[in-house]
Protein backbone atom coordinates (compact mmCIF):
# COMPACT_ATOMS: atom_id res chain seq x y z
CA MET A 1 5.59 22.61 12.56
CA THR A 2 3.94 19.50 13.96
CA PRO A 3 3.62 16.65 11.44
CA GLN A 4 0.07 15.93 10.37
CA ALA A 5 -1.26 12.61 11.63
CA PRO A 6 -2.29 10.13 8.95
CA THR A 7 -6.00 9.88 8.21
CA THR A 8 -7.87 6.61 7.70
CA THR A 9 -10.89 6.25 5.43
CA LEU A 10 -12.97 3.38 4.09
CA ARG A 11 -13.62 2.82 0.40
CA LYS A 12 -14.56 0.02 -1.98
CA LEU A 13 -11.77 -2.21 -3.18
CA THR A 14 -10.71 -1.54 -6.76
CA LEU A 15 -9.03 -3.84 -9.25
CA GLN A 16 -5.80 -1.93 -8.64
CA ASP A 17 -5.89 -3.06 -4.98
CA HIS A 18 -5.45 -6.74 -5.84
CA ALA A 19 -1.81 -7.20 -4.75
CA ARG A 20 -2.27 -5.56 -1.35
CA TRP A 21 -5.64 -7.26 -0.83
CA GLN A 22 -4.09 -10.65 -1.54
CA THR A 23 -1.29 -10.01 0.95
CA LEU A 24 -3.84 -9.17 3.65
CA TRP A 25 -6.17 -12.03 2.65
CA ASP A 26 -3.31 -14.54 2.81
CA ALA A 27 -2.34 -13.25 6.28
CA TYR A 28 -5.99 -13.54 7.39
CA THR A 29 -6.25 -17.17 6.28
CA ARG A 30 -2.93 -18.04 7.94
CA PHE A 31 -4.07 -16.40 11.18
CA TYR A 32 -6.83 -19.02 11.22
CA GLU A 33 -4.21 -21.72 10.58
CA ARG A 34 -5.21 -22.31 6.96
CA GLU A 35 -3.06 -22.03 3.86
CA PRO A 36 -4.50 -19.80 1.14
CA HIS A 37 -5.79 -21.81 -1.81
CA PRO A 38 -5.20 -20.05 -5.18
CA ALA A 39 -8.55 -21.12 -6.68
CA ILE A 40 -10.52 -19.97 -3.63
CA THR A 41 -8.60 -16.69 -3.52
CA ALA A 42 -9.26 -16.03 -7.22
CA HIS A 43 -12.96 -16.93 -6.84
CA LEU A 44 -13.35 -14.60 -3.85
CA TRP A 45 -11.69 -11.70 -5.72
CA GLN A 46 -14.09 -12.32 -8.63
CA ARG A 47 -17.11 -12.33 -6.27
CA ILE A 48 -15.99 -9.05 -4.68
CA HIS A 49 -16.00 -7.38 -8.08
CA ALA A 50 -19.31 -8.93 -9.13
CA ALA A 51 -21.05 -6.69 -6.58
CA PRO A 52 -23.52 -4.31 -8.22
CA GLN A 53 -22.92 -0.65 -8.93
CA GLY A 54 -25.35 2.00 -7.72
CA ASN A 55 -28.82 0.69 -6.88
CA ALA A 56 -28.65 -2.45 -9.04
CA PRO A 57 -29.67 -5.69 -7.32
CA ALA A 58 -26.85 -7.83 -6.00
CA PRO A 59 -26.04 -10.94 -8.01
CA HIS A 60 -26.39 -14.17 -6.03
CA GLY A 61 -23.17 -14.80 -4.14
CA SER A 62 -21.85 -11.24 -4.21
CA VAL A 63 -19.31 -10.30 -1.57
CA TYR A 64 -18.94 -6.72 -0.40
CA ALA A 65 -15.48 -5.62 0.69
CA LEU A 66 -14.02 -2.35 1.91
CA ALA A 67 -10.46 -1.20 2.20
CA ALA A 68 -9.22 0.77 5.20
CA VAL A 69 -6.89 3.29 3.59
CA GLN A 70 -4.41 5.38 5.52
CA THR A 71 -3.24 8.60 3.84
CA ASN A 72 -0.10 10.32 5.09
CA ALA A 73 0.76 14.03 5.01
CA THR A 74 2.20 13.76 1.49
CA GLY A 75 -0.97 12.14 0.14
CA GLN A 76 0.39 8.61 -0.20
CA GLU A 77 -2.23 5.94 0.39
CA HIS A 78 -1.64 2.56 2.02
CA ILE A 79 -4.28 -0.12 2.51
CA VAL A 80 -4.01 -1.11 6.15
CA GLY A 81 -7.02 -3.40 6.40
CA ILE A 82 -9.81 -5.13 4.52
């Protein structure tokens, strides 16, 4: 039997995604030759989760973020991008 290729989907970041998000965020900032600043990182995470639910208006300064999630044949999910 041929192994099933992983599938990739997009979804909103959840609070449970914090550790993986921070790893990717830190790599992103270093790519642009900047060191991640803990206060900026914490503020950004807070702004991501201040985004409205449903059709509610967005609070000023909201940031929308998606996770690219790869799911393998056994159903394990791995965030591969933000």
